[in-house]
Amino acid sequence: MKFLSIYTPDTSKPADFGPDKQQRMGELIQQGFSDGSLLHTGGLLAQGSARIGLSGGKITVTDGPYAEAKEVIAGYALIEVESFESAVEYAKRFLDIAGDGVSELHRIVDGDMNCT
């Protein structure tokens, strides 16, 4: 099963990503790539972003960065694991290092549309 994990930090708390956390995150990422559970990961910049919407037949484009910090997605990971429970465990391990915030999991449906 593939999942997209999207991380949004809690911007009401100061960021603490010192050398120890950087090392731990590097180890988690390396382990994920080595065992095949992490397919891709990266950070997202607010600059150069946009939201494109359709409502009532009208397209709107809103350029980022956005006014509210809670709207900022800091990063993502594409993971492939055996179950939803495994994806949740991966997200927990990530949050333990990244700190306060939210990691959303979205199941990716493969071309065969098999969602079981």
PDB file of N, CA and C in Angstrom:
ATOM      1  N   MET A   1       0.832  -1.168   0.000  1.00  0.00           N
ATOM      2  CA  MET A   1       0.000   0.000   0.000  1.00  0.00           C
ATOM      3  C   MET A   1       0.882   1.239   0.000  1.00  0.00           C
ATOM      4  N   LYS A   2       0.503   2.197  -0.832  1.00  0.00           N
ATOM      5  CA  LYS A   2       1.241   3.453  -0.872  1.00  0.00           C
ATOM      6  C   LYS A   2       0.410   4.545  -0.191  1.00  0.00           C
ATOM      7  N   PHE A   3       1.132   5.418   0.512  1.00  0.00           N
ATOM      8  CA  PHE A   3       0.506   6.539   1.199  1.00  0.00           C
ATOM      9  C   PHE A   3       1.318   7.800   0.953  1.00  0.00           C
ATOM     10  N   LEU A   4       0.613   8.918   0.875  1.00  0.00           N
ATOM     11  CA  LEU A   4       1.246  10.226   0.879  1.00  0.00           C
ATOM     12  C   LEU A   4       1.061  10.777   2.278  1.00  0.00           C
ATOM     13  N   SER A   5       2.155  11.086   2.936  1.00  0.00           N
ATOM     14  CA  SER A   5       2.117  11.686   4.262  1.00  0.00           C
ATOM     15  C   SER A   5       2.482  13.155   4.104  1.00  0.00           C
ATOM     16  N   ILE A   6       1.625  14.023   4.612  1.00  0.00           N
ATOM     17  CA  ILE A   6       1.836  15.470   4.503  1.00  0.00           C
ATOM     18  C   ILE A   6       2.012  16.029   5.908  1.00  0.00           C
ATOM     19  N   TYR A   7       3.114  16.745   6.131  1.00  0.00           N
ATOM     20  CA  TYR A   7       3.434  17.275   7.457  1.00  0.00           C
ATOM     21  C   TYR A   7       3.207  18.770   7.522  1.00  0.00           C
ATOM     22  N   THR A   8       2.430  19.175   8.524  1.00  0.00           N
ATOM     23  CA  THR A   8       2.205  20.592   8.817  1.00  0.00           C
ATOM     24  C   THR A   8       2.651  20.827  10.258  1.00  0.00           C
ATOM     25  N   PRO A   9       3.666  21.667  10.453  1.00  0.00           N
ATOM     26  CA  PRO A   9       4.153  21.896  11.815  1.00  0.00           C
ATOM     27  C   PRO A   9       3.195  22.775  12.621  1.00  0.00           C
ATOM     28  N   ASP A  10       3.283  22.652  13.937  1.00  0.00           N
ATOM     29  CA  ASP A  10       2.542  23.527  14.833  1.00  0.00           C
ATOM     30  C   ASP A  10       3.334  24.822  14.936  1.00  0.00           C
ATOM     31  N   THR A  11       2.865  25.859  14.247  1.00  0.00           N
ATOM     32  CA  THR A  11       3.617  27.114  14.188  1.00  0.00           C
ATOM     33  C   THR A  11       3.444  27.966  15.443  1.00  0.00           C
ATOM     34  N   SER A  12       2.608  27.520  16.377  1.00  0.00           N
ATOM     35  CA  SER A  12       2.457  28.283  17.617  1.00  0.00           C
ATOM     36  C   SER A  12       3.583  27.959  18.605  1.00  0.00           C
ATOM     37  N   LYS A  13       4.383  26.964  18.270  1.00  0.00           N
ATOM     38  CA  LYS A  13       5.500  26.567  19.133  1.00  0.00           C
ATOM     39  C   LYS A  13       6.810  26.783  18.384  1.00  0.00           C
ATOM     40  N   PRO A  14       7.867  27.143  19.114  1.00  0.00           N
ATOM     41  CA  PRO A  14       9.151  27.381  18.442  1.00  0.00           C
ATOM     42  C   PRO A  14       9.709  26.092  17.845  1.00  0.00           C
ATOM     43  N   ALA A  15      10.310  26.235  16.693  1.00  0.00           N
ATOM     44  CA  ALA A  15      10.924  25.087  16.024  1.00  0.00           C
ATOM     45  C   ALA A  15      12.208  24.703  16.757  1.00  0.00           C
ATOM     46  N   ASP A  16      12.398  23.420  16.965  1.00  0.00           N
ATOM     47  CA  ASP A  16      13.601  22.895  17.611  1.00  0.00           C
ATOM     48  C   ASP A  16      14.123  21.765  16.739  1.00  0.00           C
ATOM     49  N   PHE A  17      14.990  22.123  15.804  1.00  0.00           N
ATOM     50  CA  PHE A  17      15.515  21.107  14.895  1.00  0.00           C
ATOM     51  C   PHE A  17      17.041  21.193  14.880  1.00  0.00           C
ATOM     52  N   GLY A  18      17.601  20.970  16.057  1.00  0.00           N
ATOM     53  CA  GLY A  18      19.047  21.036  16.228  1.00  0.00           C
ATOM     54  C   GLY A  18      19.752  19.825  15.643  1.00  0.00           C
ATOM     55  N   PRO A  19      21.061  19.757  15.866  1.00  0.00           N
ATOM     56  CA  PRO A  19      21.879  18.676  15.295  1.00  0.00           C
ATOM     57  C   PRO A  19      21.405  17.270  15.656  1.00  0.00           C
ATOM     58  N   ASP A  20      20.942  17.066  16.906  1.00  0.00           N
ATOM     59  CA  ASP A  20      20.481  15.737  17.320  1.00  0.00           C
ATOM     60  C   ASP A  20      19.269  15.309  16.497  1.00  0.00           C
ATOM     61  N   LYS A  21      18.300  16.200  16.358  1.00  0.00           N
ATOM     62  CA  LYS A  21      17.100  15.862  15.585  1.00  0.00           C
ATOM     63  C   LYS A  21      17.431  15.695  14.108  1.00  0.00           C
ATOM     64  N   GLN A  22      18.355  16.500  13.596  1.00  0.00           N
ATOM     65  CA  GLN A  22      18.761  16.361  12.199  1.00  0.00           C
ATOM     66  C   GLN A  22      19.374  14.984  11.962  1.00  0.00           C
ATOM     67  N   GLN A  23      20.204  14.538  12.901  1.00  0.00           N
ATOM     68  CA  GLN A  23      20.822  13.222  12.764  1.00  0.00           C
ATOM     69  C   GLN A  23      19.769  12.122  12.824  1.00  0.00           C
ATOM     70  N   ARG A  24      18.843  12.220  13.781  1.00  0.00           N
ATOM     71  CA  ARG A  24      17.797  11.207  13.920  1.00  0.00           C
ATOM     72  C   ARG A  24      16.909  11.162  12.676  1.00  0.00           C
ATOM     73  N   MET A  25      16.586  12.334  12.119  1.00  0.00           N
ATOM     74  CA  MET A  25      15.754  12.368  10.916  1.00  0.00           C
ATOM     75  C   MET A  25      16.514  11.757   9.745  1.00  0.00           C
ATOM     76  N   GLY A  26      17.793  12.068   9.640  1.00  0.00           N
ATOM     77  CA  GLY A  26      18.619  11.474   8.587  1.00  0.00           C
ATOM     78  C   GLY A  26      18.651   9.960   8.683  1.00  0.00           C
ATOM     79  N   GLU A  27      18.730   9.439   9.903  1.00  0.00           N
ATOM     80  CA  GLU A  27      18.737   7.990  10.108  1.00  0.00           C
ATOM     81  C   GLU A  27      17.394   7.372   9.732  1.00  0.00           C
ATOM     82  N   LEU A  28      16.289   8.043  10.093  1.00  0.00           N
ATOM     83  CA  LEU A  28      14.959   7.541   9.727  1.00  0.00           C
ATOM     84  C   LEU A  28      14.799   7.516   8.208  1.00  0.00           C
ATOM     85  N   ILE A  29      15.234   8.570   7.556  1.00  0.00           N
ATOM     86  CA  ILE A  29      15.121   8.643   6.094  1.00  0.00           C
ATOM     87  C   ILE A  29      15.987   7.565   5.442  1.00  0.00           C
ATOM     88  N   GLN A  30      17.224   7.422   5.901  1.00  0.00           N
ATOM     89  CA  GLN A  30      18.122   6.412   5.333  1.00  0.00           C
ATOM     90  C   GLN A  30      17.559   5.009   5.535  1.00  0.00           C
ATOM     91  N   GLN A  31      17.034   4.733   6.726  1.00  0.00           N
ATOM     92  CA  GLN A  31      16.442   3.422   6.995  1.00  0.00           C
ATOM     93  C   GLN A  31      15.258   3.168   6.061  1.00  0.00           C
ATOM     94  N   GLY A  32      14.417   4.186   5.869  1.00  0.00           N
ATOM     95  CA  GLY A  32      13.263   4.043   4.984  1.00  0.00           C
ATOM     96  C   GLY A  32      13.656   3.755   3.546  1.00  0.00           C
ATOM     97  N   PHE A  33      14.664   4.467   3.059  1.00  0.00           N
ATOM     98  CA  PHE A  33      15.129   4.197   1.690  1.00  0.00           C
ATOM     99  C   PHE A  33      15.759   2.806   1.601  1.00  0.00           C
ATOM    100  N   SER A  34      16.515   2.424   2.631  1.00  0.00           N
ATOM    101  CA  SER A  34      17.180   1.123   2.616  1.00  0.00           C
ATOM    102  C   SER A  34      16.197  -0.043   2.633  1.00  0.00           C
ATOM    103  N   ASP A  35      15.149   0.054   3.457  1.00  0.00           N
ATOM    104  CA  ASP A  35      14.203  -1.062   3.534  1.00  0.00           C
ATOM    105  C   ASP A  35      13.068  -0.962   2.512  1.00  0.00           C
ATOM    106  N   GLY A  36      13.063   0.109   1.722  1.00  0.00           N
ATOM    107  CA  GLY A  36      12.084   0.251   0.650  1.00  0.00           C
ATOM    108  C   GLY A  36      10.749   0.851   1.058  1.00  0.00           C
ATOM    109  N   SER A  37      10.601   1.227   2.338  1.00  0.00           N
ATOM    110  CA  SER A  37       9.321   1.800   2.769  1.00  0.00           C
ATOM    111  C   SER A  37       9.195   3.272   2.398  1.00  0.00           C
ATOM    112  N   LEU A  38      10.292   3.976   2.221  1.00  0.00           N
ATOM    113  CA  LEU A  38      10.274   5.382   1.828  1.00  0.00           C
ATOM    114  C   LEU A  38      10.654   5.484   0.354  1.00  0.00           C
ATOM    115  N   LEU A  39       9.716   5.958  -0.435  1.00  0.00           N
ATOM    116  CA  LEU A  39       9.944   6.060  -1.879  1.00  0.00           C
ATOM    117  C   LEU A  39      10.455   7.429  -2.288  1.00  0.00           C
ATOM    118  N   HIS A  40       9.974   8.486  -1.609  1.00  0.00           N
ATOM    119  CA  HIS A  40      10.385   9.857  -1.931  1.00  0.00           C
ATOM    120  C   HIS A  40      10.001  10.756  -0.779  1.00  0.00           C
ATOM    121  N   THR A  41      10.771  11.790  -0.565  1.00  0.00           N
ATOM    122  CA  THR A  41      10.450  12.766   0.471  1.00  0.00           C
ATOM    123  C   THR A  41      11.016  14.114   0.070  1.00  0.00           C
ATOM    124  N   GLY A  42      10.462  15.154   0.649  1.00  0.00           N
ATOM    125  CA  GLY A  42      10.967  16.486   0.355  1.00  0.00           C
ATOM    126  C   GLY A  42      10.234  17.546   1.147  1.00  0.00           C
ATOM    127  N   GLY A  43      10.823  18.730   1.158  1.00  0.00           N
ATOM    128  CA  GLY A  43      10.211  19.885   1.791  1.00  0.00           C
ATOM    129  C   GLY A  43       9.491  20.715   0.749  1.00  0.00           C
ATOM    130  N   LEU A  44       8.561  21.512   1.213  1.00  0.00           N
ATOM    131  CA  LEU A  44       7.793  22.363   0.313  1.00  0.00           C
ATOM    132  C   LEU A  44       7.986  23.826   0.687  1.00  0.00           C
ATOM    133  N   LEU A  45       8.214  24.658  -0.304  1.00  0.00           N
ATOM    134  CA  LEU A  45       8.388  26.088  -0.093  1.00  0.00           C
ATOM    135  C   LEU A  45       7.067  26.822  -0.297  1.00  0.00           C
ATOM    136  N   ALA A  46       6.818  27.828   0.519  1.00  0.00           N
ATOM    137  CA  ALA A  46       5.605  28.634   0.354  1.00  0.00           C
ATOM    138  C   ALA A  46       5.705  29.498  -0.905  1.00  0.00           C
ATOM    139  N   GLN A  47       6.910  29.979  -1.211  1.00  0.00           N
ATOM    140  CA  GLN A  47       7.098  30.774  -2.417  1.00  0.00           C
ATOM    141  C   GLN A  47       6.969  29.877  -3.632  1.00  0.00           C
ATOM    142  N   GLY A  48       6.315  30.388  -4.656  1.00  0.00           N
ATOM    143  CA  GLY A  48       6.151  29.606  -5.875  1.00  0.00           C
ATOM    144  C   GLY A  48       5.010  28.615  -5.789  1.00  0.00           C
ATOM    145  N   SER A  49       4.133  28.787  -4.812  1.00  0.00           N
ATOM    146  CA  SER A  49       2.998  27.887  -4.663  1.00  0.00           C
ATOM    147  C   SER A  49       1.719  28.592  -5.104  1.00  0.00           C
ATOM    148  N   ALA A  50       0.695  27.812  -5.373  1.00  0.00           N
ATOM    149  CA  ALA A  50      -0.591  28.370  -5.769  1.00  0.00           C
ATOM    150  C   ALA A  50      -1.694  27.371  -5.462  1.00  0.00           C
ATOM    151  N   ARG A  51      -2.888  27.893  -5.247  1.00  0.00           N
ATOM    152  CA  ARG A  51      -4.095  27.072  -5.122  1.00  0.00           C
ATOM    153  C   ARG A  51      -4.975  27.407  -6.305  1.00  0.00           C
ATOM    154  N   ILE A  52      -5.399  26.384  -7.009  1.00  0.00           N
ATOM    155  CA  ILE A  52      -6.262  26.561  -8.172  1.00  0.00           C
ATOM    156  C   ILE A  52      -7.590  25.916  -7.833  1.00  0.00           C
ATOM    157  N   GLY A  53      -8.656  26.696  -7.932  1.00  0.00           N
ATOM    158  CA  GLY A  53      -9.971  26.187  -7.563  1.00  0.00           C
ATOM    159  C   GLY A  53     -10.979  26.382  -8.674  1.00  0.00           C
ATOM    160  N   LEU A  54     -12.050  25.604  -8.622  1.00  0.00           N
ATOM    161  CA  LEU A  54     -13.155  25.722  -9.557  1.00  0.00           C
ATOM    162  C   LEU A  54     -14.442  25.771  -8.751  1.00  0.00           C
ATOM    163  N   SER A  55     -15.214  26.806  -8.963  1.00  0.00           N
ATOM    164  CA  SER A  55     -16.491  26.947  -8.275  1.00  0.00           C
ATOM    165  C   SER A  55     -17.472  27.636  -9.210  1.00  0.00           C
ATOM    166  N   GLY A  56     -18.582  26.986  -9.449  1.00  0.00           N
ATOM    167  CA  GLY A  56     -19.593  27.569 -10.321  1.00  0.00           C
ATOM    168  C   GLY A  56     -19.085  27.847 -11.728  1.00  0.00           C
ATOM    169  N   GLY A  57     -18.182  27.017 -12.195  1.00  0.00           N
ATOM    170  CA  GLY A  57     -17.648  27.192 -13.546  1.00  0.00           C
ATOM    171  C   GLY A  57     -16.538  28.222 -13.642  1.00  0.00           C
ATOM    172  N   LYS A  58     -16.170  28.864 -12.533  1.00  0.00           N
ATOM    173  CA  LYS A  58     -15.127  29.892 -12.546  1.00  0.00           C
ATOM    174  C   LYS A  58     -13.857  29.371 -11.869  1.00  0.00           C
ATOM    175  N   ILE A  59     -12.732  29.531 -12.561  1.00  0.00           N
ATOM    176  CA  ILE A  59     -11.425  29.146 -12.041  1.00  0.00           C
ATOM    177  C   ILE A  59     -10.830  30.320 -11.266  1.00  0.00           C
ATOM    178  N   THR A  60     -10.286  30.016 -10.080  1.00  0.00           N
ATOM    179  CA  THR A  60      -9.553  31.027  -9.320  1.00  0.00           C
ATOM    180  C   THR A  60      -8.153  30.505  -9.048  1.00  0.00           C
ATOM    181  N   VAL A  61      -7.205  31.416  -9.038  1.00  0.00           N
ATOM    182  CA  VAL A  61      -5.811  31.078  -8.730  1.00  0.00           C
ATOM    183  C   VAL A  61      -5.361  32.006  -7.610  1.00  0.00           C
ATOM    184  N   THR A  62      -4.942  31.403  -6.501  1.00  0.00           N
ATOM    185  CA  THR A  62      -4.438  32.165  -5.371  1.00  0.00           C
ATOM    186  C   THR A  62      -2.968  31.821  -5.206  1.00  0.00           C
ATOM    187  N   ASP A  63      -2.117  32.819  -5.372  1.00  0.00           N
ATOM    188  CA  ASP A  63      -0.679  32.606  -5.234  1.00  0.00           C
ATOM    189  C   ASP A  63      -0.271  32.588  -3.769  1.00  0.00           C
ATOM    190  N   GLY A  64       0.695  31.728  -3.439  1.00  0.00           N
ATOM    191  CA  GLY A  64       1.263  31.706  -2.095  1.00  0.00           C
ATOM    192  C   GLY A  64       2.395  32.707  -2.022  1.00  0.00           C
ATOM    193  N   PRO A  65       3.008  32.962  -0.904  1.00  0.00           N
ATOM    194  CA  PRO A  65       2.697  32.325   0.372  1.00  0.00           C
ATOM    195  C   PRO A  65       1.372  32.812   0.922  1.00  0.00           C
ATOM    196  N   TYR A  66       0.809  32.000   1.808  1.00  0.00           N
ATOM    197  CA  TYR A  66      -0.525  32.273   2.325  1.00  0.00           C
ATOM    198  C   TYR A  66      -0.458  33.029   3.633  1.00  0.00           C
ATOM    199  N   ALA A  67      -1.516  33.739   3.925  1.00  0.00           N
ATOM    200  CA  ALA A  67      -1.547  34.619   5.092  1.00  0.00           C
ATOM    201  C   ALA A  67      -1.437  33.860   6.402  1.00  0.00           C
ATOM    202  N   GLU A  68      -2.040  32.709   6.490  1.00  0.00           N
ATOM    203  CA  GLU A  68      -2.051  31.983   7.751  1.00  0.00           C
ATOM    204  C   GLU A  68      -0.972  30.916   7.774  1.00  0.00           C
ATOM    205  N   ALA A  69      -0.149  30.979   8.804  1.00  0.00           N
ATOM    206  CA  ALA A  69       0.947  30.011   8.923  1.00  0.00           C
ATOM    207  C   ALA A  69       0.428  28.592   9.041  1.00  0.00           C
ATOM    208  N   LYS A  70      -0.777  28.402   9.590  1.00  0.00           N
ATOM    209  CA  LYS A  70      -1.314  27.049   9.742  1.00  0.00           C
ATOM    210  C   LYS A  70      -1.585  26.389   8.398  1.00  0.00           C
ATOM    211  N   GLU A  71      -1.555  27.179   7.325  1.00  0.00           N
ATOM    212  CA  GLU A  71      -1.797  26.641   5.984  1.00  0.00           C
ATOM    213  C   GLU A  71      -0.519  26.115   5.343  1.00  0.00           C
ATOM    214  N   VAL A  72       0.608  26.332   5.969  1.00  0.00           N
ATOM    215  CA  VAL A  72       1.894  25.974   5.374  1.00  0.00           C
ATOM    216  C   VAL A  72       2.173  24.486   5.579  1.00  0.00           C
ATOM    217  N   ILE A  73       2.347  23.782   4.490  1.00  0.00           N
ATOM    218  CA  ILE A  73       2.757  22.380   4.535  1.00  0.00           C
ATOM    219  C   ILE A  73       4.275  22.374   4.426  1.00  0.00           C
ATOM    220  N   ALA A  74       4.930  21.788   5.413  1.00  0.00           N
ATOM    221  CA  ALA A  74       6.383  21.839   5.452  1.00  0.00           C
ATOM    222  C   ALA A  74       7.044  20.753   4.624  1.00  0.00           C
ATOM    223  N   GLY A  75       6.397  19.604   4.493  1.00  0.00           N
ATOM    224  CA  GLY A  75       7.040  18.528   3.762  1.00  0.00           C
ATOM    225  C   GLY A  75       6.100  17.368   3.519  1.00  0.00           C
ATOM    226  N   TYR A  76       6.616  16.392   2.795  1.00  0.00           N
ATOM    227  CA  TYR A  76       5.818  15.218   2.445  1.00  0.00           C
ATOM    228  C   TYR A  76       6.729  14.005   2.349  1.00  0.00           C
ATOM    229  N   ALA A  77       6.105  12.854   2.425  1.00  0.00           N
ATOM    230  CA  ALA A  77       6.814  11.594   2.198  1.00  0.00           C
ATOM    231  C   ALA A  77       5.875  10.650   1.463  1.00  0.00           C
ATOM    232  N   LEU A  78       6.398   9.979   0.483  1.00  0.00           N
ATOM    233  CA  LEU A  78       5.672   8.931  -0.221  1.00  0.00           C
ATOM    234  C   LEU A  78       6.212   7.616   0.319  1.00  0.00           C
ATOM    235  N   ILE A  79       5.324   6.844   0.978  1.00  0.00           N
ATOM    236  CA  ILE A  79       5.763   5.601   1.601  1.00  0.00           C
ATOM    237  C   ILE A  79       4.990   4.423   1.029  1.00  0.00           C
ATOM    238  N   GLU A  80       5.611   3.257   1.112  1.00  0.00           N
ATOM    239  CA  GLU A  80       4.956   2.014   0.703  1.00  0.00           C
ATOM    240  C   GLU A  80       5.158   1.006   1.826  1.00  0.00           C
ATOM    241  N   VAL A  81       4.045   0.620   2.440  1.00  0.00           N
ATOM    242  CA  VAL A  81       4.075  -0.278   3.590  1.00  0.00           C
ATOM    243  C   VAL A  81       2.999  -1.344   3.437  1.00  0.00           C
ATOM    244  N   GLU A  82       2.997  -2.319   4.337  1.00  0.00           N
ATOM    245  CA  GLU A  82       2.077  -3.456   4.247  1.00  0.00           C
ATOM    246  C   GLU A  82       0.637  -3.127   4.622  1.00  0.00           C
ATOM    247  N   SER A  83       0.436  -2.094   5.474  1.00  0.00           N
ATOM    248  CA  SER A  83      -0.916  -1.843   5.977  1.00  0.00           C
ATOM    249  C   SER A  83      -1.066  -0.389   6.408  1.00  0.00           C
ATOM    250  N   PHE A  84      -2.317   0.000   6.644  1.00  0.00           N
ATOM    251  CA  PHE A  84      -2.603   1.326   7.168  1.00  0.00           C
ATOM    252  C   PHE A  84      -1.931   1.499   8.533  1.00  0.00           C
ATOM    253  N   GLU A  85      -1.985   0.459   9.349  1.00  0.00           N
ATOM    254  CA  GLU A  85      -1.371   0.515  10.669  1.00  0.00           C
ATOM    255  C   GLU A  85       0.134   0.772  10.575  1.00  0.00           C
ATOM    256  N   SER A  86       0.790   0.186   9.591  1.00  0.00           N
ATOM    257  CA  SER A  86       2.222   0.424   9.386  1.00  0.00           C
ATOM    258  C   SER A  86       2.486   1.868   8.974  1.00  0.00           C
ATOM    259  N   ALA A  87       1.599   2.427   8.177  1.00  0.00           N
ATOM    260  CA  ALA A  87       1.732   3.833   7.773  1.00  0.00           C
ATOM    261  C   ALA A  87       1.585   4.749   8.984  1.00  0.00           C
ATOM    262  N   VAL A  88       0.637   4.424   9.857  1.00  0.00           N
ATOM    263  CA  VAL A  88       0.451   5.213  11.083  1.00  0.00           C
ATOM    264  C   VAL A  88       1.704   5.135  11.949  1.00  0.00           C
ATOM    265  N   GLU A  89       2.289   3.960  12.079  1.00  0.00           N
ATOM    266  CA  GLU A  89       3.507   3.805  12.880  1.00  0.00           C
ATOM    267  C   GLU A  89       4.654   4.615  12.286  1.00  0.00           C
ATOM    268  N   TYR A  90       4.763   4.625  10.950  1.00  0.00           N
ATOM    269  CA  TYR A  90       5.807   5.418  10.295  1.00  0.00           C
ATOM    270  C   TYR A  90       5.606   6.893  10.602  1.00  0.00           C
ATOM    271  N   ALA A  91       4.360   7.366  10.524  1.00  0.00           N
ATOM    272  CA  ALA A  91       4.057   8.772  10.814  1.00  0.00           C
ATOM    273  C   ALA A  91       4.372   9.108  12.268  1.00  0.00           C
ATOM    274  N   LYS A  92       4.097   8.203  13.177  1.00  0.00           N
ATOM    275  CA  LYS A  92       4.412   8.427  14.592  1.00  0.00           C
ATOM    276  C   LYS A  92       5.920   8.580  14.794  1.00  0.00           C
ATOM    277  N   ARG A  93       6.694   7.713  14.141  1.00  0.00           N
ATOM    278  CA  ARG A  93       8.159   7.795  14.256  1.00  0.00           C
ATOM    279  C   ARG A  93       8.663   9.126  13.701  1.00  0.00           C
ATOM    280  N   PHE A  94       8.070   9.558  12.582  1.00  0.00           N
ATOM    281  CA  PHE A  94       8.454  10.840  11.997  1.00  0.00           C
ATOM    282  C   PHE A  94       8.144  11.985  12.960  1.00  0.00           C
ATOM    283  N   LEU A  95       6.917  12.019  13.506  1.00  0.00           N
ATOM    284  CA  LEU A  95       6.514  13.101  14.406  1.00  0.00           C
ATOM    285  C   LEU A  95       7.341  13.123  15.681  1.00  0.00           C
ATOM    286  N   ASP A  96       7.762  11.955  16.147  1.00  0.00           N
ATOM    287  CA  ASP A  96       8.603  11.898  17.335  1.00  0.00           C
ATOM    288  C   ASP A  96       9.890  12.689  17.128  1.00  0.00           C
ATOM    289  N   ILE A  97      10.361  12.742  15.900  1.00  0.00           N
ATOM    290  CA  ILE A  97      11.577  13.487  15.584  1.00  0.00           C
ATOM    291  C   ILE A  97      11.236  14.917  15.161  1.00  0.00           C
ATOM    292  N   ALA A  98      10.276  15.086  14.269  1.00  0.00           N
ATOM    293  CA  ALA A  98       9.960  16.403  13.714  1.00  0.00           C
ATOM    294  C   ALA A  98       9.388  17.353  14.759  1.00  0.00           C
ATOM    295  N   GLY A  99       8.646  16.807  15.717  1.00  0.00           N
ATOM    296  CA  GLY A  99       8.068  17.654  16.747  1.00  0.00           C
ATOM    297  C   GLY A  99       6.589  17.904  16.515  1.00  0.00           C
ATOM    298  N   ASP A 100       6.050  18.832  17.303  1.00  0.00           N
ATOM    299  CA  ASP A 100       4.620  19.102  17.271  1.00  0.00           C
ATOM    300  C   ASP A 100       4.150  19.488  15.882  1.00  0.00           C
ATOM    301  N   GLY A 101       3.020  18.954  15.516  1.00  0.00           N
ATOM    302  CA  GLY A 101       2.432  19.220  14.222  1.00  0.00           C
ATOM    303  C   GLY A 101       1.501  18.087  13.849  1.00  0.00           C
ATOM    304  N   VAL A 102       1.111  18.059  12.590  1.00  0.00           N
ATOM    305  CA  VAL A 102       0.173  17.056  12.091  1.00  0.00           C
ATOM    306  C   VAL A 102       0.764  16.389  10.866  1.00  0.00           C
ATOM    307  N   SER A 103       0.655  15.077  10.829  1.00  0.00           N
ATOM    308  CA  SER A 103       1.042  14.319   9.654  1.00  0.00           C
ATOM    309  C   SER A 103      -0.219  13.634   9.123  1.00  0.00           C
ATOM    310  N   GLU A 104      -0.691  14.087   7.979  1.00  0.00           N
ATOM    311  CA  GLU A 104      -1.880  13.487   7.361  1.00  0.00           C
ATOM    312  C   GLU A 104      -1.457  12.338   6.464  1.00  0.00           C
ATOM    313  N   LEU A 105      -2.209  11.255   6.517  1.00  0.00           N
ATOM    314  CA  LEU A 105      -1.958  10.121   5.637  1.00  0.00           C
ATOM    315  C   LEU A 105      -3.074  10.029   4.608  1.00  0.00           C
ATOM    316  N   HIS A 106      -2.693   9.908   3.356  1.00  0.00           N
ATOM    317  CA  HIS A 106      -3.651   9.744   2.266  1.00  0.00           C
ATOM    318  C   HIS A 106      -3.262   8.508   1.472  1.00  0.00           C
ATOM    319  N   ARG A 107      -4.161   7.542   1.397  1.00  0.00           N
ATOM    320  CA  ARG A 107      -3.905   6.310   0.634  1.00  0.00           C
ATOM    321  C   ARG A 107      -3.886   6.645  -0.844  1.00  0.00           C
ATOM    322  N   ILE A 108      -2.921   6.096  -1.544  1.00  0.00           N
ATOM    323  CA  ILE A 108      -2.805   6.288  -2.986  1.00  0.00           C
ATOM    324  C   ILE A 108      -3.409   5.068  -3.668  1.00  0.00           C
ATOM    325  N   VAL A 109      -4.329   5.312  -4.546  1.00  0.00           N
ATOM    326  CA  VAL A 109      -4.976   4.233  -5.280  1.00  0.00           C
ATOM    327  C   VAL A 109      -4.165   3.966  -6.538  1.00  0.00           C
ATOM    328  N   ASP A 110      -3.726   2.732  -6.687  1.00  0.00           N
ATOM    329  CA  ASP A 110      -2.970   2.366  -7.886  1.00  0.00           C
ATOM    330  C   ASP A 110      -3.904   2.297  -9.083  1.00  0.00           C
ATOM    331  N   GLY A 111      -3.347   2.142 -10.257  1.00  0.00           N
ATOM    332  CA  GLY A 111      -4.114   2.122 -11.489  1.00  0.00           C
ATOM    333  C   GLY A 111      -5.240   1.109 -11.549  1.00  0.00           C
ATOM    334  N   ASP A 112      -5.125   0.015 -10.779  1.00  0.00           N
ATOM    335  CA  ASP A 112      -6.170  -0.997 -10.825  1.00  0.00           C
ATOM    336  C   ASP A 112      -7.363  -0.669  -9.933  1.00  0.00           C
ATOM    337  N   MET A 113      -7.271   0.449  -9.193  1.00  0.00           N
ATOM    338  CA  MET A 113      -8.346   0.939  -8.313  1.00  0.00           C
ATOM    339  C   MET A 113      -8.679  -0.045  -7.209  1.00  0.00           C
ATOM    340  N   ASN A 114      -7.746  -0.900  -6.859  1.00  0.00           N
ATOM    341  CA  ASN A 114      -7.953  -1.854  -5.784  1.00  0.00           C
ATOM    342  C   ASN A 114      -7.718  -1.146  -4.451  1.00  0.00           C
ATOM    343  N   CYS A 115      -8.790  -0.896  -3.714  1.00  0.00           N
ATOM    344  CA  CYS A 115      -8.718  -0.166  -2.450  1.00  0.00           C
ATOM    345  C   CYS A 115      -8.866  -1.055  -1.244  1.00  0.00           C
ATOM    346  N   THR A 116      -8.794  -2.348  -1.414  1.00  0.00           N
ATOM    347  CA  THR A 116      -8.988  -3.249  -0.273  1.00  0.00           C
ATOM    348  C   THR A 116      -7.742  -3.406   0.528  1.00  0.00           C
TER     349      THR A 116
END
